[in-house]
N, C-alpha and C. Protein backbone atom coordinates (compact mmCIF):
# COMPACT_ATOMS: atom_id res chain seq x y z
N MET A 1 0.87 -1.18 -0.04
CA MET A 1 0.04 0.10 -0.06
C MET A 1 0.92 1.22 -0.09
N ARG A 2 0.94 1.84 -1.22
CA ARG A 2 1.90 2.96 -1.35
C ARG A 2 1.20 4.25 -0.75
N SER A 3 1.86 5.01 -0.05
CA SER A 3 1.43 6.12 0.64
C SER A 3 1.79 7.39 -0.11
N ASP A 4 0.91 8.48 -0.08
CA ASP A 4 1.21 9.77 -0.68
C ASP A 4 1.71 10.70 0.36
N ALA A 5 1.91 10.27 1.63
CA ALA A 5 2.29 11.20 2.68
C ALA A 5 3.72 11.79 2.29
N LYS A 6 3.76 12.97 2.59
CA LYS A 6 4.99 13.84 2.45
C LYS A 6 6.03 13.77 3.52
N THR A 7 5.42 13.50 4.68
CA THR A 7 6.51 13.46 5.86
C THR A 7 6.28 12.11 6.69
N VAL A 8 7.19 11.76 7.39
CA VAL A 8 7.24 10.58 8.26
C VAL A 8 6.01 10.70 9.26
N GLU A 9 5.85 11.78 9.75
CA GLU A 9 4.80 12.05 10.86
C GLU A 9 3.45 11.77 10.12
N ALA A 10 3.31 12.38 8.91
CA ALA A 10 1.93 12.21 8.35
C ALA A 10 1.73 10.81 7.89
N TYR A 11 2.82 10.03 7.56
CA TYR A 11 2.62 8.67 7.14
C TYR A 11 2.20 7.92 8.43
N LEU A 12 2.89 8.10 9.43
CA LEU A 12 2.51 7.36 10.74
C LEU A 12 1.11 7.65 11.27
N SER A 13 0.70 9.03 11.14
CA SER A 13 -0.53 9.43 11.75
C SER A 13 -1.67 8.86 10.96
N GLY A 14 -1.42 8.55 9.72
CA GLY A 14 -2.49 7.87 8.88
C GLY A 14 -2.73 6.47 9.13
N LEU A 15 -1.96 5.71 10.03
CA LEU A 15 -2.05 4.42 10.23
C LEU A 15 -2.92 3.98 11.34
N PRO A 16 -3.54 2.85 11.30
CA PRO A 16 -4.28 2.28 12.56
C PRO A 16 -3.33 2.32 13.76
N ASP A 17 -3.87 2.40 14.80
CA ASP A 17 -3.17 2.58 16.16
C ASP A 17 -2.12 1.43 16.32
N ASP A 18 -2.54 0.18 16.18
CA ASP A 18 -1.66 -0.83 16.32
C ASP A 18 -0.45 -0.94 15.26
N ARG A 19 -0.63 -0.58 14.14
CA ARG A 19 0.37 -0.57 13.09
C ARG A 19 1.19 0.64 13.37
N ARG A 20 0.66 1.84 13.69
CA ARG A 20 1.47 2.95 14.12
C ARG A 20 2.42 2.64 15.18
N GLU A 21 1.87 2.08 16.24
CA GLU A 21 2.66 1.68 17.36
C GLU A 21 3.93 0.78 17.13
N ALA A 22 3.57 -0.31 16.22
CA ALA A 22 4.55 -1.24 15.81
C ALA A 22 5.61 -0.51 14.98
N LEU A 23 5.14 0.20 13.99
CA LEU A 23 6.17 0.87 13.03
C LEU A 23 7.02 1.88 13.85
N GLU A 24 6.39 2.68 14.86
CA GLU A 24 7.14 3.54 15.73
C GLU A 24 8.24 2.84 16.45
N ALA A 25 7.86 1.71 17.02
CA ALA A 25 8.96 0.85 17.61
C ALA A 25 10.14 0.53 16.73
N VAL A 26 9.65 -0.04 15.61
CA VAL A 26 10.84 -0.35 14.66
C VAL A 26 11.48 0.87 14.21
N ARG A 27 11.04 1.93 13.99
CA ARG A 27 11.61 3.12 13.71
C ARG A 27 12.59 3.48 14.73
N GLN A 28 12.13 3.42 15.87
CA GLN A 28 13.16 3.83 16.94
C GLN A 28 14.34 3.01 16.92
N THR A 29 14.08 1.67 16.81
CA THR A 29 15.28 0.71 16.64
C THR A 29 16.17 1.13 15.42
N ILE A 30 15.62 1.33 14.39
CA ILE A 30 16.49 1.73 13.17
C ILE A 30 17.13 2.89 13.46
N ARG A 31 16.44 3.95 13.95
CA ARG A 31 17.14 5.32 14.09
C ARG A 31 18.33 5.24 15.20
N ALA A 32 18.15 4.39 16.20
CA ALA A 32 19.21 4.17 17.22
C ALA A 32 20.52 3.46 16.77
N ARG A 33 20.20 2.62 15.60
CA ARG A 33 21.37 1.81 15.10
C ARG A 33 21.95 2.21 13.81
N LEU A 34 21.19 3.29 13.09
CA LEU A 34 21.48 3.71 11.85
C LEU A 34 22.93 4.32 11.74
N PRO A 35 23.78 3.76 10.91
CA PRO A 35 25.15 4.40 10.93
C PRO A 35 25.05 5.95 10.28
N GLU A 36 26.12 6.61 10.73
CA GLU A 36 26.10 8.01 10.31
C GLU A 36 26.18 8.11 8.88
N GLY A 37 25.56 9.25 8.38
CA GLY A 37 25.49 9.61 6.96
C GLY A 37 24.18 9.27 6.23
N TYR A 38 23.41 8.32 6.66
CA TYR A 38 22.12 8.09 6.05
C TYR A 38 21.11 9.07 6.51
N GLU A 39 20.08 9.21 5.73
CA GLU A 39 19.05 10.16 6.17
C GLU A 39 17.59 9.55 6.13
N GLU A 40 16.73 9.95 7.04
CA GLU A 40 15.31 9.33 6.99
C GLU A 40 14.56 10.28 6.15
N ALA A 41 13.79 9.70 5.28
CA ALA A 41 12.88 10.63 4.31
C ALA A 41 11.61 9.77 4.03
N MET A 42 10.71 10.45 3.28
CA MET A 42 9.63 9.54 2.62
C MET A 42 9.96 9.53 1.21
N ASN A 43 10.06 8.18 0.81
CA ASN A 43 10.58 8.00 -0.66
C ASN A 43 9.95 6.69 -1.06
N TRP A 44 9.34 6.49 -2.26
CA TRP A 44 8.88 5.33 -2.78
C TRP A 44 7.55 4.97 -1.97
N GLY A 45 6.91 5.90 -1.32
CA GLY A 45 5.69 5.54 -0.55
C GLY A 45 5.92 4.95 0.91
N MET A 46 7.19 4.90 1.26
CA MET A 46 7.55 4.38 2.49
C MET A 46 8.53 5.32 3.39
N ILE A 47 8.76 4.86 4.66
CA ILE A 47 9.80 5.63 5.42
C ILE A 47 11.09 4.92 4.86
N SER A 48 11.82 5.81 4.47
CA SER A 48 13.10 5.40 3.77
C SER A 48 14.26 5.96 4.50
N TYR A 49 15.39 5.06 4.70
CA TYR A 49 16.54 5.37 5.21
C TYR A 49 17.55 5.13 4.02
N GLN A 50 18.20 6.34 3.57
CA GLN A 50 18.78 6.33 2.31
C GLN A 50 20.20 7.19 2.32
N VAL A 51 20.93 6.85 1.24
CA VAL A 51 22.02 7.75 1.12
C VAL A 51 21.70 9.08 0.34
N PRO A 52 22.00 10.07 1.01
CA PRO A 52 21.54 11.40 0.29
C PRO A 52 22.21 11.61 -0.95
N LEU A 53 21.37 12.17 -1.91
CA LEU A 53 21.98 12.39 -3.29
C LEU A 53 23.04 13.44 -3.17
N GLU A 54 23.20 14.26 -2.31
CA GLU A 54 24.36 15.18 -2.06
C GLU A 54 25.61 14.23 -1.82
N THR A 55 25.55 13.18 -1.12
CA THR A 55 26.62 12.22 -0.80
C THR A 55 26.97 11.46 -1.91
N TYR A 56 25.93 10.87 -2.61
CA TYR A 56 26.21 9.94 -3.80
C TYR A 56 25.15 10.11 -4.83
N PRO A 57 25.32 10.96 -5.79
CA PRO A 57 24.53 11.40 -6.91
C PRO A 57 24.63 10.34 -8.03
N LYS A 58 25.51 9.43 -8.13
CA LYS A 58 25.67 8.59 -9.37
C LYS A 58 24.68 7.33 -9.46
N THR A 59 23.50 7.39 -9.01
CA THR A 59 22.56 6.33 -9.03
C THR A 59 21.96 6.16 -10.50
N TYR A 60 21.61 4.91 -10.71
CA TYR A 60 21.20 4.62 -12.12
C TYR A 60 19.85 5.37 -12.28
N ASN A 61 19.09 5.60 -11.36
CA ASN A 61 17.68 6.16 -11.46
C ASN A 61 17.56 7.63 -11.03
N LYS A 62 18.62 8.10 -10.65
CA LYS A 62 18.71 9.54 -10.10
C LYS A 62 17.95 9.58 -8.85
N GLN A 63 17.65 8.68 -8.05
CA GLN A 63 17.06 8.63 -6.83
C GLN A 63 18.06 8.26 -5.69
N PRO A 64 17.76 8.56 -4.60
CA PRO A 64 18.81 8.19 -3.51
C PRO A 64 18.99 6.64 -3.40
N LEU A 65 20.08 6.14 -2.88
CA LEU A 65 20.21 4.72 -2.75
C LEU A 65 19.40 4.40 -1.37
N MET A 66 18.50 3.54 -1.52
CA MET A 66 17.77 3.08 -0.36
C MET A 66 18.64 2.13 0.42
N TYR A 67 18.91 2.32 1.71
CA TYR A 67 19.51 1.52 2.60
C TYR A 67 18.66 0.48 3.36
N ALA A 68 17.44 1.16 3.77
CA ALA A 68 16.39 0.43 4.46
C ALA A 68 15.19 1.20 4.35
N ALA A 69 14.01 0.45 4.66
CA ALA A 69 12.64 1.24 4.50
C ALA A 69 11.77 0.46 5.56
N LEU A 70 10.69 1.08 5.87
CA LEU A 70 9.72 0.62 6.57
C LEU A 70 8.39 1.07 6.12
N ALA A 71 7.44 0.13 6.04
CA ALA A 71 6.12 0.32 5.42
C ALA A 71 5.12 -0.53 5.99
N SER A 72 3.87 0.05 5.94
CA SER A 72 2.64 -0.74 6.21
C SER A 72 2.06 -1.19 4.91
N GLN A 73 2.00 -2.61 4.68
CA GLN A 73 1.43 -2.95 3.51
C GLN A 73 -0.02 -3.50 3.75
N LYS A 74 -0.67 -4.03 2.72
CA LYS A 74 -2.10 -4.33 2.97
C LYS A 74 -2.17 -5.52 3.94
N ASN A 75 -1.39 -6.57 3.82
CA ASN A 75 -1.60 -7.70 4.84
C ASN A 75 -0.56 -7.92 5.84
N HIS A 76 0.44 -6.93 5.85
CA HIS A 76 1.55 -7.06 6.84
C HIS A 76 2.26 -5.76 6.91
N MET A 77 3.18 -5.77 7.68
CA MET A 77 4.15 -4.50 7.81
C MET A 77 5.47 -5.18 7.34
N ALA A 78 6.37 -4.23 6.94
CA ALA A 78 7.62 -4.83 6.43
C ALA A 78 8.80 -3.89 6.75
N VAL A 79 9.96 -4.37 6.90
CA VAL A 79 11.14 -3.78 7.05
C VAL A 79 11.95 -4.22 5.78
N TYR A 80 12.48 -3.19 5.00
CA TYR A 80 13.34 -3.54 3.83
C TYR A 80 14.79 -3.33 4.14
N LEU A 81 15.65 -4.28 3.95
CA LEU A 81 16.98 -4.20 4.26
C LEU A 81 17.79 -4.54 3.15
N SER A 82 18.26 -3.42 2.32
CA SER A 82 19.01 -3.53 1.17
C SER A 82 20.46 -4.13 1.49
N ALA A 83 20.95 -3.91 2.45
CA ALA A 83 22.26 -4.45 2.73
C ALA A 83 22.29 -5.92 2.86
N ILE A 84 21.28 -6.68 3.27
CA ILE A 84 21.30 -8.05 3.38
C ILE A 84 20.90 -8.67 1.92
N TYR A 85 20.35 -7.83 1.24
CA TYR A 85 20.12 -8.31 -0.15
C TYR A 85 21.34 -8.29 -1.02
N ALA A 86 22.40 -7.29 -0.75
CA ALA A 86 23.50 -7.00 -1.43
C ALA A 86 24.66 -7.75 -0.96
N ASP A 87 24.68 -8.25 0.19
CA ASP A 87 25.89 -8.88 0.82
C ASP A 87 25.46 -10.27 1.40
N ASP A 88 25.99 -11.35 0.74
CA ASP A 88 25.64 -12.66 1.06
C ASP A 88 26.04 -13.05 2.67
N GLN A 89 27.15 -12.55 3.07
CA GLN A 89 27.64 -12.74 4.48
C GLN A 89 26.74 -12.10 5.28
N LEU A 90 26.26 -10.86 5.16
CA LEU A 90 25.30 -10.23 5.99
C LEU A 90 23.99 -10.86 5.99
N ARG A 91 23.55 -11.25 4.79
CA ARG A 91 22.26 -12.11 4.80
C ARG A 91 22.37 -13.28 5.43
N GLU A 92 23.44 -14.04 5.50
CA GLU A 92 23.50 -15.46 6.14
C GLU A 92 23.60 -14.99 7.74
N ARG A 93 24.31 -14.08 8.08
CA ARG A 93 24.43 -13.81 9.46
C ARG A 93 22.98 -13.32 9.97
N PHE A 94 22.33 -12.54 9.20
CA PHE A 94 21.08 -12.06 9.55
C PHE A 94 20.07 -13.38 9.70
N GLU A 95 19.97 -14.19 8.73
CA GLU A 95 19.21 -15.44 8.77
C GLU A 95 19.45 -16.19 9.98
N ASP A 96 20.71 -16.38 10.31
CA ASP A 96 21.10 -17.26 11.33
C ASP A 96 20.55 -16.62 12.65
N ALA A 97 20.81 -15.34 12.84
CA ALA A 97 20.48 -14.63 14.11
C ALA A 97 18.94 -14.71 14.13
N TYR A 98 18.13 -14.34 13.06
CA TYR A 98 16.82 -14.45 13.23
C TYR A 98 16.21 -15.62 13.50
N ARG A 99 16.65 -16.81 12.89
CA ARG A 99 16.11 -18.23 13.11
C ARG A 99 16.36 -18.45 14.58
N ALA A 100 17.60 -18.14 15.04
CA ALA A 100 17.90 -18.36 16.41
C ALA A 100 16.96 -18.02 17.54
N THR A 101 16.21 -16.91 17.09
CA THR A 101 15.16 -16.38 18.01
C THR A 101 13.98 -17.14 18.04
N GLY A 102 13.69 -18.01 17.21
CA GLY A 102 12.55 -18.88 17.27
C GLY A 102 11.35 -18.19 16.69
N LYS A 103 11.47 -16.96 16.13
CA LYS A 103 10.27 -16.30 15.67
C LYS A 103 10.14 -16.73 14.11
N HIS A 104 8.90 -16.56 13.68
CA HIS A 104 8.53 -17.02 12.38
C HIS A 104 9.37 -16.20 11.32
N TYR A 105 10.19 -17.02 10.53
CA TYR A 105 11.07 -16.20 9.62
C TYR A 105 10.38 -16.08 8.19
N ASP A 106 9.91 -14.89 7.98
CA ASP A 106 9.10 -14.54 6.82
C ASP A 106 9.85 -13.37 6.03
N VAL A 107 10.77 -13.79 5.24
CA VAL A 107 11.73 -12.91 4.65
C VAL A 107 11.85 -13.25 3.11
N GLY A 108 11.80 -12.09 2.29
CA GLY A 108 12.11 -12.27 0.74
C GLY A 108 13.68 -11.93 0.68
N LYS A 109 13.97 -11.35 -0.49
CA LYS A 109 15.35 -11.04 -0.79
C LYS A 109 15.80 -9.92 0.18
N SER A 110 14.96 -8.89 0.40
CA SER A 110 15.32 -7.80 1.45
C SER A 110 14.15 -7.47 2.34
N CYS A 111 13.05 -8.10 2.05
CA CYS A 111 11.77 -7.70 2.84
C CYS A 111 11.53 -8.71 3.97
N VAL A 112 11.52 -8.09 5.12
CA VAL A 112 11.09 -8.75 6.33
C VAL A 112 9.65 -8.53 6.77
N ARG A 113 8.85 -9.51 6.53
CA ARG A 113 7.39 -9.16 6.89
C ARG A 113 7.06 -9.62 8.23
N PHE A 114 6.12 -8.84 8.85
CA PHE A 114 5.65 -9.19 10.20
C PHE A 114 4.25 -8.62 10.28
N ARG A 115 3.42 -9.24 11.07
CA ARG A 115 1.98 -8.96 11.27
C ARG A 115 1.84 -8.07 12.62
N LYS A 116 2.55 -8.38 13.59
CA LYS A 116 2.52 -7.61 14.82
C LYS A 116 4.04 -7.56 15.38
N LEU A 117 4.26 -6.53 16.30
CA LEU A 117 5.52 -6.16 16.72
C LEU A 117 6.26 -7.40 17.24
N ASP A 118 5.49 -8.15 18.03
CA ASP A 118 6.09 -9.32 18.75
C ASP A 118 6.64 -10.44 17.84
N ASP A 119 6.33 -10.29 16.56
CA ASP A 119 6.68 -11.24 15.49
C ASP A 119 8.14 -10.94 14.89
N LEU A 120 8.62 -9.77 15.40
CA LEU A 120 9.87 -9.11 14.95
C LEU A 120 10.98 -9.16 15.90
N PRO A 121 12.08 -9.74 15.70
CA PRO A 121 13.19 -9.65 16.66
C PRO A 121 14.01 -8.31 16.53
N LEU A 122 13.57 -7.36 17.24
CA LEU A 122 14.07 -5.97 17.10
C LEU A 122 15.66 -5.80 17.16
N ASP A 123 16.12 -6.70 18.09
CA ASP A 123 17.60 -6.68 18.25
C ASP A 123 18.33 -7.22 16.95
N VAL A 124 17.68 -8.19 16.19
CA VAL A 124 18.29 -8.66 15.02
C VAL A 124 18.12 -7.58 13.89
N ILE A 125 17.09 -6.96 13.96
CA ILE A 125 16.80 -5.83 13.00
C ILE A 125 17.87 -4.67 13.24
N GLY A 126 18.11 -4.38 14.42
CA GLY A 126 19.05 -3.37 14.88
C GLY A 126 20.40 -3.68 14.44
N ASP A 127 20.77 -4.99 14.65
CA ASP A 127 22.09 -5.37 14.16
C ASP A 127 22.25 -5.31 12.63
N ALA A 128 21.28 -5.57 12.07
CA ALA A 128 21.28 -5.59 10.51
C ALA A 128 21.49 -4.13 10.03
N ILE A 129 20.75 -3.28 10.70
CA ILE A 129 20.87 -1.89 10.33
C ILE A 129 22.17 -1.25 10.58
N GLY A 130 22.79 -1.66 11.68
CA GLY A 130 24.14 -1.25 12.13
C GLY A 130 25.32 -1.80 11.41
N ALA A 131 24.96 -2.93 10.37
CA ALA A 131 26.04 -3.59 9.94
C ALA A 131 26.78 -2.96 8.65
N ALA A 132 26.30 -2.02 8.14
CA ALA A 132 26.84 -1.51 6.81
C ALA A 132 27.00 0.06 6.94
N PRO A 133 28.19 0.43 7.31
CA PRO A 133 28.41 1.94 7.20
C PRO A 133 28.16 2.35 5.92
N LEU A 134 27.99 3.67 5.68
CA LEU A 134 27.63 4.30 4.50
C LEU A 134 28.64 4.06 3.38
N GLU A 135 29.95 4.15 3.74
CA GLU A 135 30.94 3.80 2.59
C GLU A 135 30.79 2.49 2.22
N ALA A 136 30.74 1.59 3.05
CA ALA A 136 30.60 0.06 2.81
C ALA A 136 29.43 -0.05 1.89
N PHE A 137 28.41 0.40 2.25
CA PHE A 137 27.15 0.22 1.41
C PHE A 137 27.28 0.83 -0.04
N ILE A 138 27.92 2.03 -0.23
CA ILE A 138 28.21 2.51 -1.44
C ILE A 138 29.13 1.65 -2.27
N GLU A 139 30.12 1.05 -1.61
CA GLU A 139 31.11 0.17 -2.31
C GLU A 139 30.39 -1.12 -2.71
N SER A 140 29.48 -1.58 -1.90
CA SER A 140 28.71 -2.75 -2.34
C SER A 140 27.92 -2.39 -3.54
N TYR A 141 27.21 -1.36 -3.57
CA TYR A 141 26.29 -0.87 -4.75
C TYR A 141 27.20 -0.76 -5.95
N GLU A 142 28.38 -0.03 -5.78
CA GLU A 142 29.16 0.16 -7.02
C GLU A 142 29.68 -1.25 -7.56
N GLY A 143 30.10 -2.12 -6.53
CA GLY A 143 30.50 -3.52 -7.00
C GLY A 143 29.46 -4.14 -7.83
N ALA A 144 28.14 -4.16 -7.28
CA ALA A 144 26.93 -4.81 -8.01
C ALA A 144 26.77 -4.24 -9.45
N ARG A 145 26.93 -2.79 -9.43
CA ARG A 145 26.73 -2.33 -10.69
C ARG A 145 27.75 -2.61 -11.79
N ALA A 146 28.87 -2.66 -11.35
CA ALA A 146 30.11 -3.09 -12.20
C ALA A 146 29.86 -4.34 -12.71
N LYS A 147 29.26 -5.35 -11.98
CA LYS A 147 29.11 -6.70 -12.51
C LYS A 147 28.05 -6.73 -13.64
N ARG A 148 27.20 -5.61 -13.81
CA ARG A 148 26.26 -5.65 -14.82
C ARG A 148 26.72 -5.33 -16.17
């Protein structure tokens, strides 16, 4: 469910109470662990944590590089983690840590789906957020682009 909200606050205020509370908790975890240099913004209809264009303007689509995002979808909520999509070691470490919690593992390439906050291991999400400093994430992006 893509949102037309222009600000994070407007996005969150438009959600039902249970989803707003869950996403605010995940947002707090992300913001606490987000490496320096990324910015929080509304982009792609979601709360986005991205590399500012002023820092890295050479993207293929002239949009900021999305590092992570947070969204309320029709049937679930989701955290999008680009770093685990781009780095096999980070993905394996994330998967092992997530599965060790015993919580239901509902993950696509970078999408971590959950229906309620208790379904999501916030410490594992926080570790994944903190795993890729800005420079390392840009290097990973450039390496992937060079392979194409």
